[in-house]
Amino acid sequence: MYRYDEYDQSIVDARVDEFRDQVRRRLAGEITEDQFKPLRLMNGLYLQLHAYMLRVAVPYGTLDSRQMRMLAHVARTYDRGYGHFTTRQNIQYNWIRLDQAPDILAELATVEMHAIQTSGNCIRNISSDQYAGAAADEVADPRPWAELIRQWSTFHPEFTYLPRKFKIAVIAAEEDRAAMRLHDIGIRLTRRDGVLGATVFVGGGMGRTPMIAHEIRDFVTADDLMSYLEACLRVYNRYGRRDNIYKARIKILLHEIGPDEYRRQVEEEFAKVKALGIDPPAAELARITAMFAPPAFDPAAAGDVADRSDPDFAVWLDQNVRAHRQPGYAIVNISLKPVGGIPGDASADQIDVMADLAQRYGFDELRVTHAQNIVLPHVRIADLKAVWSALVDAGLAEANLDLISDIIACPGLDYCSLANARSIPLAQKIGERFADPARQRDLGELKLKISGCINACGHHHAGHIGILGVDRKGTENFQLLLGGSGAEDVSLGRITGPGFDEDGVVDAIERVTDKYLEVRETGERFVDTYRRVGMTPFKEAIYG
């Protein structure tokens, strides 16, 4: 994984010192909250309903054990003993004291971590495939490119104050495990005639006007990729709306001028940018790529076979473990979705356990997923039983990856000042209603996502079943959506009809799943059945 050089460390340390002085001045009353707000947001510090929330960057979701242990230390020392992993592959702490925020950032800096560009109208944390470097279906490891984009975008003088926040995802496989086309820019690395390049999608996003990104260029060579991204951002920065926050995202620009006109302007700008020579020299790309070299796999592991005699272990293997490109190794998904738990939350002790497992069994590497889980990307098959046993002891062995209880949920009205409804209690009730593991496995892949407001931090538009919390004359109301997907078969969910109270929407989900079991054909996932039969049978089941 990438390691800071002297330049990286110096800019992070300088930012900590700068922020410490800003906090001192705010606490002394030398600057007002209005003056302080843009400064704290540039350091990932939000003022939520009850306390400050700090969002820490985890570039493309990759961590090592020392960084993971630091996250546990922050949770234990400065918060209430837990952290919340997010759909941007970051982590948030919800109970931060302002006077301690600079100390947290200083401690994070000692393990090459920061909160830079986790907020504000800038290019946010670059996300990627959590199986990068381990999946057999990728054409290249996308992480060196994600890191290159991180370096290019950090403090970019032209893109520090964009019309609105900007999100980029990089993948390298046909299977989309990062919701790439629901980003402002989505990049899929590919090869054409043996040459590495990328297909570039622009204009995706969720929120109050969800849109799927348009393919703007079917192939740009890797040598030209950074210049092409620069051109894409320049056109947006030039014409993106700054007079209306609701129309400021790049998806609105593409909607208004059309993808063909946007493409024309990008190509025109690309010719100018390319002449500037901003694409990295081969030596720099090679330096970054070398940090993502595969670990020292043991060739003797190729003959390993997992002992499936324990039925609980066998279920976990089938549900949470994925094939690895290296014979004898596997990808382990750690669920942060226990029945009745808070999606994405992990205690300091659990974070430490995951760090220990990575160091002992996983070549000292972990990944945060956009579905708010954790991955050990390189585990020897012979070690899977030991890893599972440790996860059982830590309460982290829920075998529910991609099942109905593997819920994505935002913090909602329990924490967020923007929310209209509570996401967490609803997620807990749904998990409890569908707690039976056999029932979950019978339903099969069913991605359920909850947002507490129209900003869609819970990705409800992309859920096979999505739930949006709204305010109805001071009362929490939940709209039900069906048919969304953030994968390579990307689609946006449709609202079924009138909303429900909290208990009512849980009942409605049960009626939806019952109808699915009634009408599905062999091998169909929920979303496949929905696409085949349409909304009508489900609406009839819901509303009678």
Protein backbone atom coordinates (compact mmCIF):
# COMPACT_ATOMS: atom_id res chain seq x y z
CA MET A 1 0.00 0.00 0.00
CA TYR A 2 1.02 3.60 -0.47
CA ARG A 3 3.42 5.16 2.05
CA TYR A 4 3.85 8.87 2.63
CA ASP A 5 6.99 10.50 1.33
CA GLU A 6 8.52 13.55 3.00
CA TYR A 7 6.25 15.88 1.01
CA ASP A 8 3.07 14.03 2.00
CA GLN A 9 4.00 14.11 5.67
CA SER A 10 4.97 17.75 5.64
CA ILE A 11 1.68 18.98 4.16
CA VAL A 12 -0.36 16.92 6.63
CA ASP A 13 1.70 18.16 9.59
CA ALA A 14 1.41 21.74 8.38
CA ARG A 15 -2.37 21.40 8.09
CA VAL A 16 -2.57 20.13 11.69
CA ASP A 17 -0.58 23.11 12.98
CA GLU A 18 -2.72 25.51 10.99
CA PHE A 19 -5.96 23.98 12.29
CA ARG A 20 -4.72 23.98 15.87
CA ASP A 21 -4.30 27.76 15.65
CA GLN A 22 -7.73 28.15 14.06
CA VAL A 23 -9.36 26.19 16.89
CA ARG A 24 -7.45 28.23 19.47
CA ARG A 25 -8.77 31.44 17.95
CA ARG A 26 -12.33 30.10 17.80
CA LEU A 27 -12.27 29.01 21.46
CA ALA A 28 -10.84 32.39 22.44
CA GLY A 29 -13.66 34.17 20.62
CA GLU A 30 -11.28 35.80 18.14
CA ILE A 31 -13.29 34.44 15.20
CA THR A 32 -17.02 33.73 14.94
CA GLU A 33 -18.67 30.42 14.10
CA ASP A 34 -19.48 31.76 10.62
CA GLN A 35 -15.79 32.55 10.11
CA PHE A 36 -14.71 29.23 11.60
CA LYS A 37 -17.15 27.01 9.68
CA PRO A 38 -15.31 26.91 6.32
CA LEU A 39 -12.03 26.31 8.16
CA ARG A 40 -13.31 23.34 10.18
CA LEU A 41 -15.07 21.85 7.16
CA MET A 42 -11.76 21.83 5.30
CA ASN A 43 -10.53 19.59 8.11
CA GLY A 44 -13.48 17.21 8.08
CA LEU A 45 -15.16 18.63 11.19
CA TYR A 46 -18.94 19.00 11.08
CA LEU A 47 -21.26 20.42 13.73
CA GLN A 48 -24.06 17.87 14.07
CA LEU A 49 -27.15 17.73 16.28
CA HIS A 50 -25.39 16.93 19.55
CA ALA A 51 -21.66 17.35 19.02
CA TYR A 52 -18.93 17.76 16.44
CA MET A 53 -18.45 14.92 13.98
CA LEU A 54 -15.01 14.22 12.52
CA ARG A 55 -14.73 12.41 9.19
CA VAL A 56 -11.34 10.77 8.64
CA ALA A 57 -10.17 9.97 5.11
CA VAL A 58 -9.34 6.40 4.14
CA PRO A 59 -8.11 6.80 0.54
CA TYR A 60 -9.67 4.12 -1.69
CA GLY A 61 -10.58 2.29 1.52
CA THR A 62 -7.09 0.86 2.18
CA LEU A 63 -5.62 0.59 5.71
CA ASP A 64 -2.91 -1.30 7.53
CA SER A 65 -3.02 -2.59 11.12
CA ARG A 66 -1.23 0.40 12.68
CA GLN A 67 -3.74 2.77 11.07
CA MET A 68 -6.64 0.57 12.15
CA ARG A 69 -5.32 0.53 15.71
CA MET A 70 -5.09 4.32 15.62
CA LEU A 71 -8.76 4.45 14.64
CA ALA A 72 -9.54 2.29 17.66
CA HIS A 73 -7.43 4.58 19.85
CA VAL A 74 -9.32 7.66 18.63
CA ALA A 75 -12.65 5.93 19.31
CA ARG A 76 -11.56 4.92 22.79
CA THR A 77 -9.83 8.17 23.77
CA TYR A 78 -11.80 10.92 22.08
CA ASP A 79 -15.22 9.45 21.28
CA ARG A 80 -17.61 7.04 23.00
CA GLY A 81 -15.76 3.88 22.14
CA TYR A 82 -16.81 3.29 18.55
CA GLY A 83 -16.47 4.56 15.00
CA HIS A 84 -18.86 4.58 12.06
CA PHE A 85 -17.58 3.35 8.68
CA THR A 86 -19.22 5.20 5.80
CA THR A 87 -20.33 4.67 2.21
CA ARG A 88 -17.37 6.79 1.08
CA GLN A 89 -14.97 4.19 2.58
CA ASN A 90 -14.12 6.64 5.38
CA ILE A 91 -14.76 6.57 9.13
CA GLN A 92 -16.70 9.10 11.23
CA TYR A 93 -16.64 9.88 14.94
CA ASN A 94 -19.85 11.42 16.24
CA TRP A 95 -18.93 12.78 19.70
CA ILE A 96 -15.86 14.98 19.24
CA ARG A 97 -14.90 17.91 21.48
CA LEU A 98 -13.69 20.92 19.55
CA ASP A 99 -10.71 21.53 21.82
CA GLN A 100 -9.51 17.96 21.21
CA ALA A 101 -9.95 17.92 17.41
CA PRO A 102 -6.39 19.17 16.66
CA ASP A 103 -4.94 16.49 18.96
CA ILE A 104 -6.86 13.81 17.04
CA LEU A 105 -5.54 15.08 13.72
CA ALA A 106 -2.00 15.20 15.13
CA GLU A 107 -2.25 11.59 16.28
CA LEU A 108 -3.69 10.50 12.94
CA ALA A 109 -0.79 12.20 11.16
CA THR A 110 1.67 9.90 12.95
CA VAL A 111 0.21 6.96 10.99
CA GLU A 112 -0.19 8.75 7.65
CA MET A 113 -3.85 9.68 8.05
CA HIS A 114 -5.79 12.94 7.86
CA ALA A 115 -9.22 14.49 7.32
CA ILE A 116 -8.31 16.66 4.35
CA GLN A 117 -10.99 17.00 1.64
CA THR A 118 -13.53 14.89 3.50
CA SER A 119 -15.84 17.91 3.34
CA GLY A 120 -16.32 21.06 1.32
CA ASN A 121 -16.78 21.82 -2.36
CA CYS A 122 -13.70 19.97 -3.47
CA ILE A 123 -12.72 16.55 -4.80
CA ARG A 124 -13.55 14.17 -1.97
CA ASN A 125 -11.96 10.88 -0.93
CA ILE A 126 -11.25 8.76 -4.03
CA SER A 127 -13.12 5.47 -3.79
CA SER A 128 -12.37 2.13 -5.41
CA ASP A 129 -13.10 -1.57 -5.51
CA GLN A 130 -12.58 -3.15 -2.09
CA TYR A 131 -11.25 -6.28 -3.82
CA ALA A 132 -8.58 -4.35 -5.75
CA GLY A 133 -5.38 -6.36 -6.15
CA ALA A 134 -7.16 -9.56 -5.09
CA ALA A 135 -9.99 -10.05 -7.58
CA ALA A 136 -9.40 -12.32 -10.55
CA ASP A 137 -11.58 -10.27 -12.90
CA GLU A 138 -9.65 -6.98 -12.86
CA VAL A 139 -7.49 -5.90 -15.80
CA ALA A 140 -5.11 -3.99 -13.49
CA ASP A 141 -4.93 -2.91 -9.88
CA PRO A 142 -6.96 0.33 -9.77
CA ARG A 143 -5.34 1.58 -6.54
CA PRO A 144 -2.22 3.15 -8.12
CA TRP A 145 -4.54 5.22 -10.29
CA ALA A 146 -6.74 6.09 -7.33
CA GLU A 147 -3.61 7.21 -5.48
CA LEU A 148 -2.43 9.23 -8.46
CA ILE A 149 -5.82 10.97 -8.59
CA ARG A 150 -5.62 11.59 -4.83
CA GLN A 151 -2.26 13.31 -5.23
CA TRP A 152 -3.43 15.30 -8.25
CA SER A 153 -6.61 16.46 -6.51
CA THR A 154 -5.20 17.29 -3.06
CA PHE A 155 -5.02 21.09 -2.76
CA HIS A 156 -5.43 21.41 -6.53
CA PRO A 157 -5.47 25.23 -6.86
CA GLU A 158 -8.09 25.22 -9.60
CA PHE A 159 -10.47 22.75 -7.95
CA THR A 160 -10.35 23.69 -4.27
CA TYR A 161 -13.57 25.70 -4.53
CA LEU A 162 -15.75 23.83 -7.00
CA PRO A 163 -19.44 24.66 -7.44
CA ARG A 164 -20.22 21.63 -5.27
CA LYS A 165 -18.59 18.55 -3.74
CA PHE A 166 -17.12 16.12 -6.25
CA LYS A 167 -16.77 12.34 -6.02
CA ILE A 168 -14.62 10.02 -8.16
CA ALA A 169 -14.50 6.22 -8.22
CA VAL A 170 -11.96 3.99 -9.98
CA ILE A 171 -12.56 0.32 -10.79
CA ALA A 172 -10.83 -2.17 -13.10
CA ALA A 173 -13.39 -4.92 -13.70
CA GLU A 174 -16.68 -5.37 -15.52
CA GLU A 175 -18.32 -6.16 -12.18
CA ASP A 176 -18.89 -2.85 -10.44
CA ARG A 177 -18.32 -3.23 -6.70
CA ALA A 178 -18.00 0.53 -6.07
CA ALA A 179 -21.21 2.05 -7.51
CA MET A 180 -18.96 3.71 -10.08
CA ARG A 181 -21.71 5.11 -12.31
CA LEU A 182 -23.35 6.89 -9.40
CA HIS A 183 -20.31 9.16 -8.99
CA ASP A 184 -19.59 12.56 -10.48
CA ILE A 185 -16.84 10.82 -12.45
CA GLY A 186 -16.56 7.07 -12.74
CA ILE A 187 -13.47 5.45 -14.23
CA ARG A 188 -13.31 1.85 -15.37
CA LEU A 189 -9.82 0.74 -16.34
CA THR A 190 -9.78 -1.49 -19.40
CA ARG A 191 -7.41 -2.77 -22.06
CA ARG A 192 -7.70 -2.28 -25.79
CA ASP A 193 -5.27 -4.09 -28.09
CA GLY A 194 -3.06 -4.68 -25.07
CA VAL A 195 -2.97 -0.98 -24.11
CA LEU A 196 -4.18 0.05 -20.66
CA GLY A 197 -6.72 2.82 -20.62
CA ALA A 198 -10.09 3.76 -19.21
CA THR A 199 -13.73 4.30 -20.01
CA VAL A 200 -14.83 7.57 -18.42
CA PHE A 201 -18.36 8.19 -17.13
CA VAL A 202 -19.50 11.63 -15.97
CA GLY A 203 -22.58 13.03 -14.29
CA GLY A 204 -23.76 10.38 -11.87
CA GLY A 205 -24.99 11.00 -8.36
CA MET A 206 -27.83 10.55 -5.93
CA GLY A 207 -29.45 13.17 -3.69
CA ARG A 208 -32.68 14.94 -4.63
CA THR A 209 -32.08 14.45 -8.38
CA PRO A 210 -30.50 11.00 -8.83
CA MET A 211 -28.81 10.37 -12.17
CA ILE A 212 -26.70 7.67 -13.75
CA ALA A 213 -23.40 8.84 -15.25
CA HIS A 214 -23.10 9.12 -19.03
CA GLU A 215 -20.28 7.47 -20.94
CA ILE A 216 -18.26 10.47 -22.11
CA ARG A 217 -15.29 8.64 -23.57
CA ASP A 218 -15.16 4.94 -24.35
CA PHE A 219 -11.37 4.81 -24.19
CA VAL A 220 -8.64 7.18 -23.11
CA THR A 221 -5.15 5.75 -22.75
CA ALA A 222 -3.63 5.56 -19.30
CA ASP A 223 -0.94 7.97 -20.47
CA ASP A 224 -3.62 10.60 -21.12
CA LEU A 225 -5.98 9.89 -18.22
CA MET A 226 -4.92 12.67 -15.87
CA SER A 227 -5.11 15.29 -18.62
CA TYR A 228 -8.56 14.04 -19.53
CA LEU A 229 -9.76 14.27 -15.93
CA GLU A 230 -8.36 17.79 -15.70
CA ALA A 231 -10.36 18.70 -18.80
CA CYS A 232 -13.55 17.18 -17.34
CA LEU A 233 -13.15 19.21 -14.14
CA ARG A 234 -12.28 22.43 -15.98
CA VAL A 235 -15.49 22.38 -17.98
CA TYR A 236 -17.52 21.76 -14.84
CA ASN A 237 -15.68 24.43 -12.86
CA ARG A 238 -16.31 26.91 -15.65
CA TYR A 239 -20.04 26.32 -16.12
CA GLY A 240 -21.30 24.62 -12.95
CA ARG A 241 -23.98 26.57 -11.10
CA ARG A 242 -22.78 28.55 -8.08
CA ASP A 243 -26.00 30.49 -7.59
CA ASN A 244 -28.14 27.48 -6.58
CA ILE A 245 -26.85 24.72 -4.30
CA TYR A 246 -29.52 22.34 -5.58
CA LYS A 247 -28.35 22.72 -9.18
CA ALA A 248 -24.62 22.86 -8.57
CA ARG A 249 -23.57 19.24 -9.17
CA ILE A 250 -22.02 18.20 -12.46
CA LYS A 251 -24.99 15.91 -13.16
CA ILE A 252 -27.17 19.03 -13.52
CA LEU A 253 -24.70 20.58 -15.95
CA LEU A 254 -24.82 17.48 -18.15
CA HIS A 255 -28.60 17.41 -17.91
CA GLU A 256 -28.86 21.04 -18.99
CA ILE A 257 -26.34 21.13 -21.84
CA GLY A 258 -26.52 17.45 -22.76
CA PRO A 259 -23.76 14.82 -22.73
CA ASP A 260 -22.84 15.48 -26.38
CA GLU A 261 -22.14 19.17 -25.79
CA TYR A 262 -20.27 18.42 -22.58
CA ARG A 263 -18.21 15.80 -24.44
CA ARG A 264 -17.41 18.30 -27.19
CA GLN A 265 -16.20 20.89 -24.71
CA VAL A 266 -14.14 18.34 -22.78
CA GLU A 267 -12.41 17.18 -25.96
CA GLU A 268 -11.64 20.80 -26.85
CA GLU A 269 -10.25 21.44 -23.37
CA PHE A 270 -8.36 18.13 -23.38
CA ALA A 271 -6.30 19.23 -26.39
CA LYS A 272 -5.23 22.33 -24.45
CA VAL A 273 -4.50 20.52 -21.21
CA LYS A 274 -2.48 17.77 -22.88
CA ALA A 275 -0.09 20.39 -24.18
CA LEU A 276 0.67 21.43 -20.58
CA GLY A 277 2.35 18.10 -19.82
CA ILE A 278 0.59 17.38 -16.51
CA ASP A 279 0.46 13.60 -16.97
CA PRO A 280 2.89 11.89 -14.60
CA PRO A 281 6.30 10.81 -15.87
CA ALA A 282 6.73 7.06 -16.17
CA ALA A 283 9.13 7.01 -13.22
CA GLU A 284 6.59 8.57 -10.86
CA LEU A 285 3.82 6.19 -11.90
CA ALA A 286 6.24 3.29 -11.47
CA ARG A 287 7.14 4.54 -7.97
CA ILE A 288 3.51 4.60 -6.93
CA THR A 289 2.67 1.29 -8.61
CA ALA A 290 5.56 -0.45 -6.86
CA MET A 291 3.93 0.29 -3.49
CA PHE A 292 0.96 -1.83 -4.54
CA ALA A 293 2.98 -4.90 -5.47
CA PRO A 294 1.26 -8.19 -4.55
CA PRO A 295 2.18 -9.61 -1.15
CA ALA A 296 4.56 -12.56 -0.80
CA PHE A 297 2.04 -15.34 -1.35
CA ASP A 298 3.10 -18.85 -0.40
CA PRO A 299 3.03 -21.12 -3.47
CA ALA A 300 2.51 -24.08 -1.14
CA ALA A 301 -0.92 -22.69 -0.26
CA ALA A 302 -2.29 -23.67 -3.66
CA GLY A 303 -3.39 -27.05 -2.34
CA ASP A 304 -5.20 -25.71 0.74
CA VAL A 305 -8.82 -26.71 1.25
CA ALA A 306 -11.08 -25.33 3.98
CA ASP A 307 -12.48 -27.82 6.49
CA ARG A 308 -16.27 -27.47 6.18
CA SER A 309 -17.21 -29.91 8.95
CA ASP A 310 -18.52 -27.11 11.18
CA PRO A 311 -21.89 -26.10 9.63
CA ASP A 312 -21.76 -22.52 10.96
CA PHE A 313 -18.29 -22.06 9.51
CA ALA A 314 -19.45 -23.54 6.20
CA VAL A 315 -22.32 -21.04 5.99
CA TRP A 316 -19.93 -18.16 6.67
CA LEU A 317 -17.56 -19.47 3.99
CA ASP A 318 -20.33 -19.57 1.42
CA GLN A 319 -21.72 -16.15 2.28
CA ASN A 320 -18.81 -13.94 3.29
CA VAL A 321 -15.74 -15.39 1.56
CA ARG A 322 -14.92 -14.69 -2.09
CA ALA A 323 -12.51 -16.25 -4.54
CA HIS A 324 -8.99 -14.79 -4.80
CA ARG A 325 -6.86 -14.50 -7.90
CA GLN A 326 -4.04 -16.37 -6.08
CA PRO A 327 -4.60 -20.12 -5.62
CA GLY A 328 -4.79 -21.04 -1.95
CA TYR A 329 -6.00 -17.61 -0.80
CA ALA A 330 -9.40 -16.03 -0.27
CA ILE A 331 -11.05 -12.62 0.25
CA VAL A 332 -12.74 -12.32 3.65
CA ASN A 333 -15.67 -9.94 4.13
CA ILE A 334 -16.27 -8.91 7.75
CA SER A 335 -19.87 -7.87 8.31
CA LEU A 336 -20.52 -4.80 10.46
CA LYS A 337 -24.24 -5.58 10.33
CA PRO A 338 -25.14 -7.76 13.34
CA VAL A 339 -28.85 -8.36 13.88
CA GLY A 340 -30.14 -5.43 15.92
CA GLY A 341 -26.90 -3.52 15.50
CA ILE A 342 -26.11 -0.17 13.89
CA PRO A 343 -24.94 -0.61 10.28
CA GLY A 344 -21.30 0.37 9.84
CA ASP A 345 -20.50 0.80 13.54
CA ALA A 346 -17.59 -1.00 15.16
CA SER A 347 -16.38 -0.71 18.74
CA ALA A 348 -12.78 0.18 19.55
CA ASP A 349 -12.22 -3.41 20.70
CA GLN A 350 -13.63 -4.79 17.45
CA ILE A 351 -11.45 -2.44 15.41
CA ASP A 352 -8.44 -3.72 17.31
CA VAL A 353 -9.47 -7.32 16.62
CA MET A 354 -9.67 -6.62 12.90
CA ALA A 355 -6.25 -4.98 13.01
CA ASP A 356 -4.81 -8.03 14.77
CA LEU A 357 -6.32 -10.38 12.19
CA ALA A 358 -4.91 -8.32 9.33
CA GLN A 359 -1.45 -8.36 10.84
CA ARG A 360 -1.49 -12.06 11.66
CA TYR A 361 -3.36 -13.53 8.70
CA GLY A 362 -3.83 -10.87 6.03
CA PHE A 363 -0.45 -9.40 5.03
CA ASP A 364 -1.25 -6.39 7.23
CA GLU A 365 -3.95 -4.99 4.96
CA LEU A 366 -7.63 -4.11 5.37
CA ARG A 367 -10.23 -2.41 3.21
CA VAL A 368 -13.32 -0.38 4.04
CA THR A 369 -16.18 -1.06 1.63
CA HIS A 370 -18.80 1.36 0.32
CA ALA A 371 -21.36 -1.03 1.87
CA GLN A 372 -19.95 -0.18 5.33
CA ASN A 373 -18.15 -3.47 5.92
CA ILE A 374 -14.47 -4.42 6.25
CA VAL A 375 -12.42 -6.72 4.00
CA LEU A 376 -9.29 -8.75 4.62
CA PRO A 377 -8.22 -9.05 0.97
CA HIS A 378 -5.50 -11.71 1.25
CA VAL A 379 -6.14 -14.58 3.66
CA ARG A 380 -4.71 -18.06 3.22
CA ILE A 381 -7.45 -20.66 2.96
CA ALA A 382 -5.76 -22.70 5.70
CA ASP A 383 -6.23 -19.72 8.06
CA LEU A 384 -9.92 -19.09 7.37
CA LYS A 385 -11.13 -21.18 10.31
CA ALA A 386 -8.89 -19.30 12.75
CA VAL A 387 -10.04 -15.96 11.34
CA TRP A 388 -13.69 -16.98 11.62
CA SER A 389 -13.24 -18.18 15.22
CA ALA A 390 -11.73 -14.84 16.21
CA LEU A 391 -14.57 -12.99 14.47
CA VAL A 392 -17.13 -15.12 16.32
CA ASP A 393 -15.54 -14.17 19.63
CA ALA A 394 -15.63 -10.48 18.64
CA GLY A 395 -19.24 -10.49 17.44
CA LEU A 396 -18.13 -9.92 13.84
CA ALA A 397 -19.02 -13.24 12.19
CA GLU A 398 -22.50 -12.44 10.86
CA ALA A 399 -22.83 -14.46 7.65
CA ASN A 400 -25.02 -11.99 5.78
CA LEU A 401 -22.98 -10.34 3.02
CA ASP A 402 -25.38 -8.98 0.35
CA LEU A 403 -28.42 -10.36 2.18
CA ILE A 404 -31.38 -8.32 3.41
CA SER A 405 -29.80 -7.68 6.84
CA ASP A 406 -26.58 -6.32 5.25
CA ILE A 407 -28.21 -2.90 5.34
CA ILE A 408 -26.58 0.36 4.28
CA ALA A 409 -27.86 3.20 6.45
CA CYS A 410 -26.87 6.79 7.11
CA PRO A 411 -26.70 8.07 10.74
CA GLY A 412 -30.07 9.77 10.24
CA LEU A 413 -31.86 11.98 12.72
CA ASP A 414 -30.09 10.41 15.69
CA TYR A 415 -27.00 12.42 14.72
CA CYS A 416 -27.37 14.42 11.52
CA SER A 417 -28.69 17.99 11.51
CA LEU A 418 -29.87 17.58 7.90
CA ALA A 419 -31.94 14.43 8.44
CA ASN A 420 -35.73 14.26 8.53
CA ALA A 421 -36.07 10.76 9.95
CA ARG A 422 -34.19 8.16 11.96
CA SER A 423 -32.40 5.53 9.91
CA ILE A 424 -30.75 3.54 12.68
CA PRO A 425 -33.83 2.31 14.60
CA LEU A 426 -35.48 1.37 11.31
CA ALA A 427 -32.43 -0.63 10.21
CA GLN A 428 -32.46 -2.41 13.56
CA LYS A 429 -36.15 -3.29 13.24
CA ILE A 430 -35.70 -4.64 9.72
CA GLY A 431 -32.71 -6.71 10.83
CA GLU A 432 -34.72 -8.16 13.69
CA ARG A 433 -37.74 -8.90 11.47
CA PHE A 434 -35.53 -10.85 9.04
CA ALA A 435 -33.15 -12.23 11.66
CA ASP A 436 -33.60 -15.90 10.70
CA PRO A 437 -30.44 -16.79 8.73
CA ALA A 438 -32.22 -19.47 6.70
CA ARG A 439 -34.88 -16.97 5.68
CA GLN A 440 -32.25 -14.47 4.61
CA ARG A 441 -30.44 -17.05 2.50
CA ASP A 442 -33.72 -18.11 0.89
CA LEU A 443 -34.32 -14.50 -0.17
CA GLY A 444 -30.80 -14.42 -1.60
CA GLU A 445 -29.01 -11.29 -2.77
CA LEU A 446 -31.17 -8.38 -1.70
CA LYS A 447 -29.54 -5.03 -1.11
CA LEU A 448 -31.52 -2.78 1.23
CA LYS A 449 -30.47 0.85 1.74
CA ILE A 450 -31.86 3.57 3.99
CA SER A 451 -31.43 7.36 3.88
CA GLY A 452 -32.78 9.70 6.55
CA CYS A 453 -33.19 12.56 4.08
CA ILE A 454 -33.13 13.44 0.39
CA ASN A 455 -29.33 13.88 0.43
CA ALA A 456 -29.16 10.08 0.03
CA CYS A 457 -26.09 9.33 2.13
CA GLY A 458 -27.59 5.84 2.58
CA HIS A 459 -27.76 5.35 -1.23
CA HIS A 460 -31.49 4.51 -1.10
CA HIS A 461 -31.89 5.15 -4.85
CA ALA A 462 -29.45 2.29 -5.52
CA GLY A 463 -31.09 -0.27 -3.26
CA HIS A 464 -32.92 -3.28 -4.61
CA ILE A 465 -35.19 -2.05 -1.83
CA GLY A 466 -34.62 1.55 -0.84
CA ILE A 467 -36.11 3.60 1.97
CA LEU A 468 -36.18 7.40 2.16
CA GLY A 469 -37.12 9.16 5.38
CA VAL A 470 -39.10 12.38 4.92
CA ASP A 471 -40.91 14.85 7.16
CA ARG A 472 -44.70 14.83 6.88
CA LYS A 473 -46.00 17.75 8.95
CA GLY A 474 -43.59 17.03 11.78
CA THR A 475 -43.95 13.25 11.60
CA GLU A 476 -41.36 10.79 10.30
CA ASN A 477 -42.56 9.13 7.11
CA PHE A 478 -40.77 6.50 5.06
CA GLN A 479 -41.05 6.16 1.29
CA LEU A 480 -40.38 2.73 -0.18
CA LEU A 481 -38.46 2.35 -3.46
CA LEU A 482 -37.90 -0.78 -5.55
CA GLY A 483 -35.57 -1.77 -8.36
CA GLY A 484 -32.40 0.22 -7.78
CA SER A 485 -28.85 -1.05 -8.24
CA GLY A 486 -25.40 0.44 -7.85
CA ALA A 487 -23.68 -2.45 -9.64
CA GLU A 488 -22.81 -2.91 -13.30
CA ASP A 489 -26.58 -3.31 -13.96
CA VAL A 490 -27.03 0.19 -12.54
CA SER A 491 -30.57 1.49 -12.14
CA LEU A 492 -32.52 3.93 -9.97
CA GLY A 493 -35.28 2.75 -7.67
CA ARG A 494 -38.88 3.88 -8.14
CA ILE A 495 -41.19 4.99 -5.34
CA THR A 496 -43.98 2.48 -4.76
CA GLY A 497 -46.59 4.98 -3.55
CA PRO A 498 -47.62 6.63 -0.28
CA GLY A 499 -45.16 6.37 2.60
CA PHE A 500 -45.41 4.62 5.95
CA ASP A 501 -44.57 5.09 9.58
CA GLU A 502 -41.64 3.10 10.97
CA ASP A 503 -43.54 -0.10 11.75
CA GLY A 504 -45.58 0.21 8.58
CA VAL A 505 -42.56 0.27 6.29
CA VAL A 506 -41.15 -2.86 7.95
CA ASP A 507 -44.48 -4.61 7.27
CA ALA A 508 -44.42 -3.33 3.70
CA ILE A 509 -40.94 -4.78 3.14
CA GLU A 510 -42.18 -8.14 4.37
CA ARG A 511 -45.09 -8.03 1.92
CA VAL A 512 -42.65 -7.17 -0.88
CA THR A 513 -40.36 -10.08 -0.06
CA ASP A 514 -43.30 -12.47 0.27
CA LYS A 515 -44.49 -11.46 -3.21
CA TYR A 516 -40.97 -11.96 -4.56
CA LEU A 517 -40.83 -15.50 -3.21
CA GLU A 518 -44.22 -16.15 -4.77
CA VAL A 519 -43.39 -14.97 -8.30
CA ARG A 520 -39.64 -15.48 -8.69
CA GLU A 521 -38.23 -17.92 -11.20
CA THR A 522 -35.33 -20.26 -10.59
CA GLY A 523 -32.07 -18.39 -10.11
CA GLU A 524 -33.60 -14.91 -10.03
CA ARG A 525 -32.45 -12.33 -7.55
CA PHE A 526 -35.04 -9.94 -6.17
CA VAL A 527 -34.01 -7.19 -8.59
CA ASP A 528 -34.22 -9.62 -11.54
CA THR A 529 -37.76 -10.58 -10.60
CA TYR A 530 -38.75 -6.94 -10.17
CA ARG A 531 -37.42 -6.08 -13.62
CA ARG A 532 -39.27 -9.00 -15.16
CA VAL A 533 -42.70 -8.53 -13.56
CA GLY A 534 -42.62 -4.78 -12.95
CA MET A 535 -43.95 -2.67 -10.10
CA THR A 536 -47.65 -3.62 -10.26
CA PRO A 537 -47.58 -6.99 -8.42
CA PHE A 538 -45.54 -5.46 -5.62
CA LYS A 539 -47.79 -2.40 -5.29
CA GLU A 540 -50.81 -4.68 -5.07
CA ALA A 541 -49.08 -6.69 -2.35
CA ILE A 542 -48.14 -3.56 -0.43
CA TYR A 543 -51.32 -1.52 -0.67
CA GLY A 544 -53.96 -4.15 -1.44
